[in-house]
Amino acid sequence: MVKLSKTEQEYELALEKAYLLMQEDVEINTAQADELDLLTLLIEHYEEAHYPIMPPSPIEAIKFRLEQLGKTQTELSKIFGARSRQSEILSGKRKLSLSMIRKLHEVLNIPAEILIGAY
């Protein structure tokens, strides 16, 4: 019987059951597939409640995206228009302006809701 995970021990048991089911060649539209779907939902629910993932700061997001694209931090000067702004932004001495947020969103495809976050 599958039930809502309320303790760490119940969560661990659900993980173990899901792992064992994933090791089998579970057919779609079977009781095992339904059990795996339900376990997955219960595990996600428990993790969202007990292990929330905080969004990155705007600076972390910019640095991460640059790294993903294989670009250097100095390439931000092209986006911001001045090398001094790039270092001030990345050091936290200067906040992002609305026009900078729009440009970063457009050029680096960073979600605007991340860029407007507090830092």
Protein backbone atom coordinates (compact mmCIF):
# COMPACT_ATOMS: atom_id res chain seq x y z
CA MET A 1 0.00 0.00 0.00
CA VAL A 2 1.33 3.42 -0.96
CA LYS A 3 0.75 6.31 1.43
CA LEU A 4 1.81 9.90 1.90
CA SER A 5 5.38 10.17 3.19
CA LYS A 6 5.34 12.09 6.45
CA THR A 7 8.70 11.07 7.92
CA GLU A 8 12.20 10.74 6.58
CA GLN A 9 11.94 6.96 7.04
CA GLU A 10 8.74 6.77 4.96
CA TYR A 11 10.38 8.96 2.32
CA GLU A 12 13.40 6.64 2.19
CA LEU A 13 11.10 3.61 1.82
CA ALA A 14 9.28 5.30 -1.06
CA LEU A 15 12.61 6.03 -2.75
CA GLU A 16 13.67 2.42 -2.32
CA LYS A 17 10.39 1.09 -3.74
CA ALA A 18 10.57 3.46 -6.71
CA TYR A 19 14.18 2.46 -7.36
CA LEU A 20 13.28 -1.25 -7.34
CA LEU A 21 10.38 -0.65 -9.73
CA MET A 22 12.64 1.32 -12.08
CA GLN A 23 15.04 -1.63 -12.21
CA GLU A 24 12.27 -3.81 -13.64
CA ASP A 25 10.98 -3.52 -17.16
CA VAL A 26 7.64 -2.04 -16.11
CA GLU A 27 4.98 -2.07 -18.80
CA ILE A 28 2.84 1.02 -19.35
CA ASN A 29 -0.75 0.84 -18.07
CA THR A 30 -0.03 -1.80 -15.45
CA ALA A 31 -0.44 -1.79 -11.70
CA GLN A 32 3.35 -1.51 -11.34
CA ALA A 33 3.46 1.53 -13.64
CA ASP A 34 0.64 3.14 -11.68
CA GLU A 35 2.47 2.44 -8.41
CA LEU A 36 5.67 3.97 -9.78
CA ASP A 37 3.75 7.08 -10.94
CA LEU A 38 2.17 7.44 -7.51
CA LEU A 39 5.48 6.93 -5.71
CA THR A 40 7.08 9.56 -7.92
CA LEU A 41 4.38 12.08 -7.03
CA LEU A 42 4.71 11.31 -3.32
CA ILE A 43 8.50 11.64 -3.45
CA GLU A 44 8.25 14.97 -5.29
CA HIS A 45 5.71 16.24 -2.75
CA TYR A 46 7.96 15.31 0.18
CA GLU A 47 11.05 16.84 -1.44
CA GLU A 48 9.28 20.10 -2.26
CA ALA A 49 8.18 20.40 1.36
CA HIS A 50 11.43 19.33 3.02
CA TYR A 51 14.18 20.15 0.51
CA PRO A 52 13.14 23.32 -1.33
CA ILE A 53 15.51 24.57 -4.00
CA MET A 54 16.05 28.29 -3.75
CA PRO A 55 16.46 30.21 -6.99
CA PRO A 56 19.96 31.52 -7.69
CA SER A 57 20.87 35.14 -7.11
CA PRO A 58 20.95 37.27 -10.27
CA ILE A 59 24.77 37.35 -10.12
CA GLU A 60 25.02 33.56 -9.75
CA ALA A 61 22.62 33.14 -12.67
CA ILE A 62 24.66 35.46 -14.90
CA LYS A 63 27.94 33.71 -14.05
CA PHE A 64 26.40 30.27 -14.54
CA ARG A 65 24.86 31.20 -17.90
CA LEU A 66 28.14 32.66 -19.13
CA GLU A 67 29.88 29.44 -18.14
CA GLN A 68 27.22 27.37 -19.93
CA LEU A 69 27.73 29.38 -23.10
CA GLY A 70 31.53 29.23 -22.85
CA LYS A 71 31.75 33.02 -22.59
CA THR A 72 34.01 35.04 -20.33
CA GLN A 73 32.82 37.63 -17.85
CA THR A 74 34.48 40.33 -19.94
CA GLU A 75 31.90 39.65 -22.65
CA LEU A 76 29.36 41.28 -20.37
CA SER A 77 30.97 44.58 -21.35
CA LYS A 78 29.37 44.14 -24.76
CA ILE A 79 25.98 43.76 -23.10
CA PHE A 80 26.40 46.56 -20.55
CA GLY A 81 28.39 48.87 -22.78
CA ALA A 82 31.21 49.55 -20.29
CA ARG A 83 33.84 47.31 -18.72
CA SER A 84 33.59 49.09 -15.37
CA ARG A 85 29.87 48.30 -15.15
CA GLN A 86 30.56 44.62 -15.70
CA SER A 87 32.94 44.40 -12.73
CA GLU A 88 30.68 46.56 -10.53
CA ILE A 89 27.68 44.34 -11.29
CA LEU A 90 29.54 41.07 -10.68
CA SER A 91 31.06 42.34 -7.44
CA GLY A 92 27.66 43.51 -6.17
CA LYS A 93 28.67 47.18 -6.00
CA ARG A 94 26.07 48.14 -8.60
CA LYS A 95 22.53 46.81 -9.01
CA LEU A 96 21.11 45.75 -12.34
CA SER A 97 18.98 48.38 -14.02
CA LEU A 98 15.78 47.54 -15.87
CA SER A 99 17.50 48.02 -19.23
CA MET A 100 20.35 45.70 -18.13
CA ILE A 101 17.83 43.06 -17.05
CA ARG A 102 16.07 43.28 -20.41
CA LYS A 103 19.37 43.01 -22.28
CA LEU A 104 20.57 40.03 -20.19
CA HIS A 105 17.23 38.31 -20.72
CA GLU A 106 17.39 38.95 -24.45
CA VAL A 107 21.06 38.12 -25.05
CA LEU A 108 21.75 35.40 -22.47
CA ASN A 109 18.18 34.08 -22.22
CA ILE A 110 18.15 34.28 -18.41
CA PRO A 111 14.59 34.37 -17.05
CA ALA A 112 13.66 37.92 -16.01
CA GLU A 113 12.16 36.66 -12.73
CA ILE A 114 15.65 35.44 -11.73
CA LEU A 115 17.30 38.72 -12.72
CA ILE A 116 14.91 40.85 -10.65
CA GLY A 117 15.57 38.81 -7.50
CA ALA A 118 17.17 40.35 -4.42
CA TYR A 119 20.92 40.12 -3.95
